[in-house]
Protein backbone atom coordinates (compact mmCIF):
# COMPACT_ATOMS: atom_id res chain seq x y z
CA MET A 1 72.45 -45.61 -28.69
CA THR A 2 75.07 -47.78 -26.86
CA TRP A 3 74.87 -49.18 -23.26
CA SER A 4 78.24 -51.25 -22.10
CA ARG A 5 80.18 -52.28 -18.98
CA HIS A 6 83.47 -53.80 -18.87
CA HIS A 7 85.71 -55.66 -16.33
CA THR A 8 89.43 -56.42 -16.53
CA LEU A 9 91.84 -58.62 -14.49
CA VAL A 10 95.59 -58.94 -15.18
CA THR A 11 96.77 -62.60 -15.02
CA THR A 12 99.83 -64.81 -15.40
CA ALA A 13 98.06 -66.91 -17.75
CA THR A 14 99.59 -66.74 -21.27
CA PRO A 15 97.70 -65.56 -24.41
CA GLU A 16 97.30 -69.21 -25.17
CA GLN A 17 95.76 -70.31 -22.31
CA LEU A 18 93.20 -67.63 -22.36
CA TRP A 19 92.34 -68.07 -25.81
CA ALA A 20 91.85 -71.99 -25.23
CA ARG A 21 89.45 -70.89 -22.38
CA TRP A 22 87.64 -68.30 -24.53
CA THR A 23 87.27 -70.60 -27.63
CA THR A 24 86.14 -73.93 -26.14
CA ALA A 25 82.61 -74.00 -25.63
CA GLU A 26 82.56 -76.68 -22.96
CA TYR A 27 84.20 -73.99 -20.50
CA TRP A 28 81.52 -71.52 -20.86
CA ALA A 29 79.09 -73.04 -18.43
CA SER A 30 81.86 -73.48 -15.59
CA ASP A 31 83.31 -70.10 -16.34
CA ASP A 32 79.76 -68.39 -16.38
CA PRO A 33 77.27 -69.70 -13.40
CA ALA A 34 74.38 -68.05 -15.67
CA VAL A 35 75.30 -70.42 -18.43
CA GLU A 36 73.80 -73.63 -18.75
CA TRP A 37 75.55 -74.55 -22.01
CA ALA A 38 76.99 -73.38 -25.13
CA ALA A 39 78.08 -74.79 -28.61
CA PHE A 40 79.75 -73.61 -31.87
CA ASP A 41 78.99 -74.90 -35.19
CA ALA A 42 82.87 -74.89 -36.04
CA PRO A 43 85.81 -73.52 -34.33
CA ALA A 44 85.62 -69.92 -33.23
CA ALA A 45 86.01 -67.69 -36.12
CA THR A 46 84.31 -64.42 -37.43
CA GLY A 47 80.92 -65.63 -38.98
CA VAL A 48 80.80 -68.77 -37.11
CA THR A 49 77.46 -69.32 -35.43
CA GLY A 50 76.61 -71.18 -32.16
CA ARG A 51 73.95 -71.37 -29.39
CA VAL A 52 73.96 -70.48 -25.73
CA LYS A 53 71.55 -71.28 -23.09
CA ASN A 54 71.46 -68.99 -20.08
CA THR A 55 69.68 -70.21 -16.89
CA GLY A 56 65.87 -69.31 -16.92
CA SER A 57 66.05 -68.41 -20.76
CA PRO A 58 65.52 -70.07 -23.99
CA ALA A 59 68.72 -71.06 -25.90
CA GLN A 60 69.76 -68.23 -27.96
CA LYS A 61 71.62 -68.08 -31.33
CA PHE A 62 74.59 -66.12 -31.76
CA ARG A 63 77.26 -65.05 -34.15
CA PHE A 64 80.99 -64.51 -33.77
CA THR A 65 81.67 -60.91 -34.93
CA ASP A 66 85.10 -60.32 -34.19
CA VAL A 67 87.75 -63.28 -33.77
CA ARG A 68 91.28 -62.50 -33.84
CA THR A 69 93.55 -65.27 -32.26
CA HIS A 70 95.27 -64.24 -28.97
CA GLU A 71 93.61 -60.68 -29.34
CA ARG A 72 89.76 -60.70 -29.18
CA MET A 73 86.61 -62.89 -29.45
CA ASP A 74 83.48 -61.07 -29.65
CA PHE A 75 79.97 -62.58 -30.10
CA GLU A 76 76.51 -60.92 -30.78
CA ILE A 77 73.07 -62.13 -29.95
CA ARG A 78 70.39 -60.18 -31.87
CA LEU A 79 67.49 -58.94 -29.77
CA PRO A 80 64.22 -57.18 -30.98
CA PHE A 81 65.66 -53.73 -31.76
CA ALA A 82 69.02 -54.05 -30.51
CA SER A 83 71.88 -56.43 -30.18
CA LEU A 84 73.81 -57.82 -27.29
CA SER A 85 77.60 -58.24 -27.79
CA VAL A 86 79.72 -60.12 -25.44
CA THR A 87 83.35 -58.87 -25.89
CA HIS A 88 86.69 -60.49 -24.90
CA ALA A 89 89.90 -58.66 -25.18
CA MET A 90 93.40 -59.34 -24.15
CA GLU A 91 96.59 -57.38 -23.89
CA VAL A 92 99.95 -58.42 -23.04
CA THR A 93 101.28 -55.77 -20.34
CA GLY A 94 104.37 -55.73 -18.15
CA PRO A 95 102.98 -57.77 -15.28
CA GLY A 96 100.91 -60.35 -17.63
CA VAL A 97 97.72 -60.40 -19.75
CA ALA A 98 94.94 -58.03 -19.05
CA SER A 99 91.76 -60.06 -19.71
CA THR A 100 88.57 -57.66 -20.39
CA HIS A 101 85.28 -58.98 -20.64
CA GLY A 102 82.32 -56.54 -21.86
CA ILE A 103 78.65 -56.65 -22.42
CA VAL A 104 77.74 -54.07 -25.26
CA ILE A 105 74.14 -53.38 -26.04
CA GLU A 106 73.39 -51.47 -29.38
CA GLY A 107 70.25 -49.86 -30.81
CA PRO A 108 67.10 -48.00 -30.43
CA LEU A 109 66.29 -50.15 -27.23
CA SER A 110 69.58 -50.50 -25.73
CA GLY A 111 68.79 -48.34 -22.69
CA PHE A 112 65.82 -50.58 -21.86
CA TYR A 113 68.01 -53.94 -22.60
CA GLY A 114 70.61 -52.49 -20.66
CA ALA A 115 68.52 -52.04 -17.45
CA VAL A 116 66.63 -55.20 -17.84
CA LEU A 117 69.41 -57.38 -18.92
CA GLY A 118 72.63 -55.91 -18.96
CA ALA A 119 72.73 -54.73 -15.59
CA ARG A 120 72.36 -58.36 -14.37
CA LEU A 121 75.15 -59.42 -16.74
CA ALA A 122 77.35 -56.86 -15.98
CA ALA A 123 76.99 -57.57 -12.18
CA GLY A 124 78.45 -61.07 -12.83
CA LEU A 125 81.43 -59.87 -15.00
CA PRO A 126 83.87 -59.88 -12.11
CA ASP A 127 83.22 -63.37 -11.15
CA VAL A 128 83.29 -64.43 -14.82
CA VAL A 129 86.68 -62.92 -15.54
CA ARG A 130 87.95 -64.17 -12.35
CA ARG A 131 86.93 -67.99 -13.31
CA VAL A 132 88.08 -67.34 -16.63
CA VAL A 133 91.64 -66.38 -15.60
CA ASP A 134 91.73 -68.81 -12.91
CA GLY A 135 90.72 -71.57 -15.43
CA ALA A 136 93.27 -70.47 -17.77
CA LEU A 137 95.85 -71.18 -15.59
CA THR A 138 95.00 -74.83 -15.25
CA LEU A 139 95.34 -75.52 -19.17
């Protein structure tokens, strides 16, 4: 079973600017009000691990699952009987670059986690994507 939500904005930021915003741990807390801090064990690459601390919850270990420069950056947090993936994709379009962020929960308890955790995370996606694209324009 899968539960997912996505949000897309088109920006005049370059792929290089968006990429720098996504892959710099220090920006995560300013781009997402729910994040207190994030840290990676190495530069973002498929298989690299890190930790992220959201307000009101313990720090969570994550693993980058799909990292393709100037294209996508996804990471996964393992939950009991499910996994929560935070996805980031960019696509160059006529008017700029489409930046899409998503929350994808897979596994036997995806419906439960979608209702309890995913809905709250998804509600914040429009604000997070706006902060990311606005922040990217300053780089």
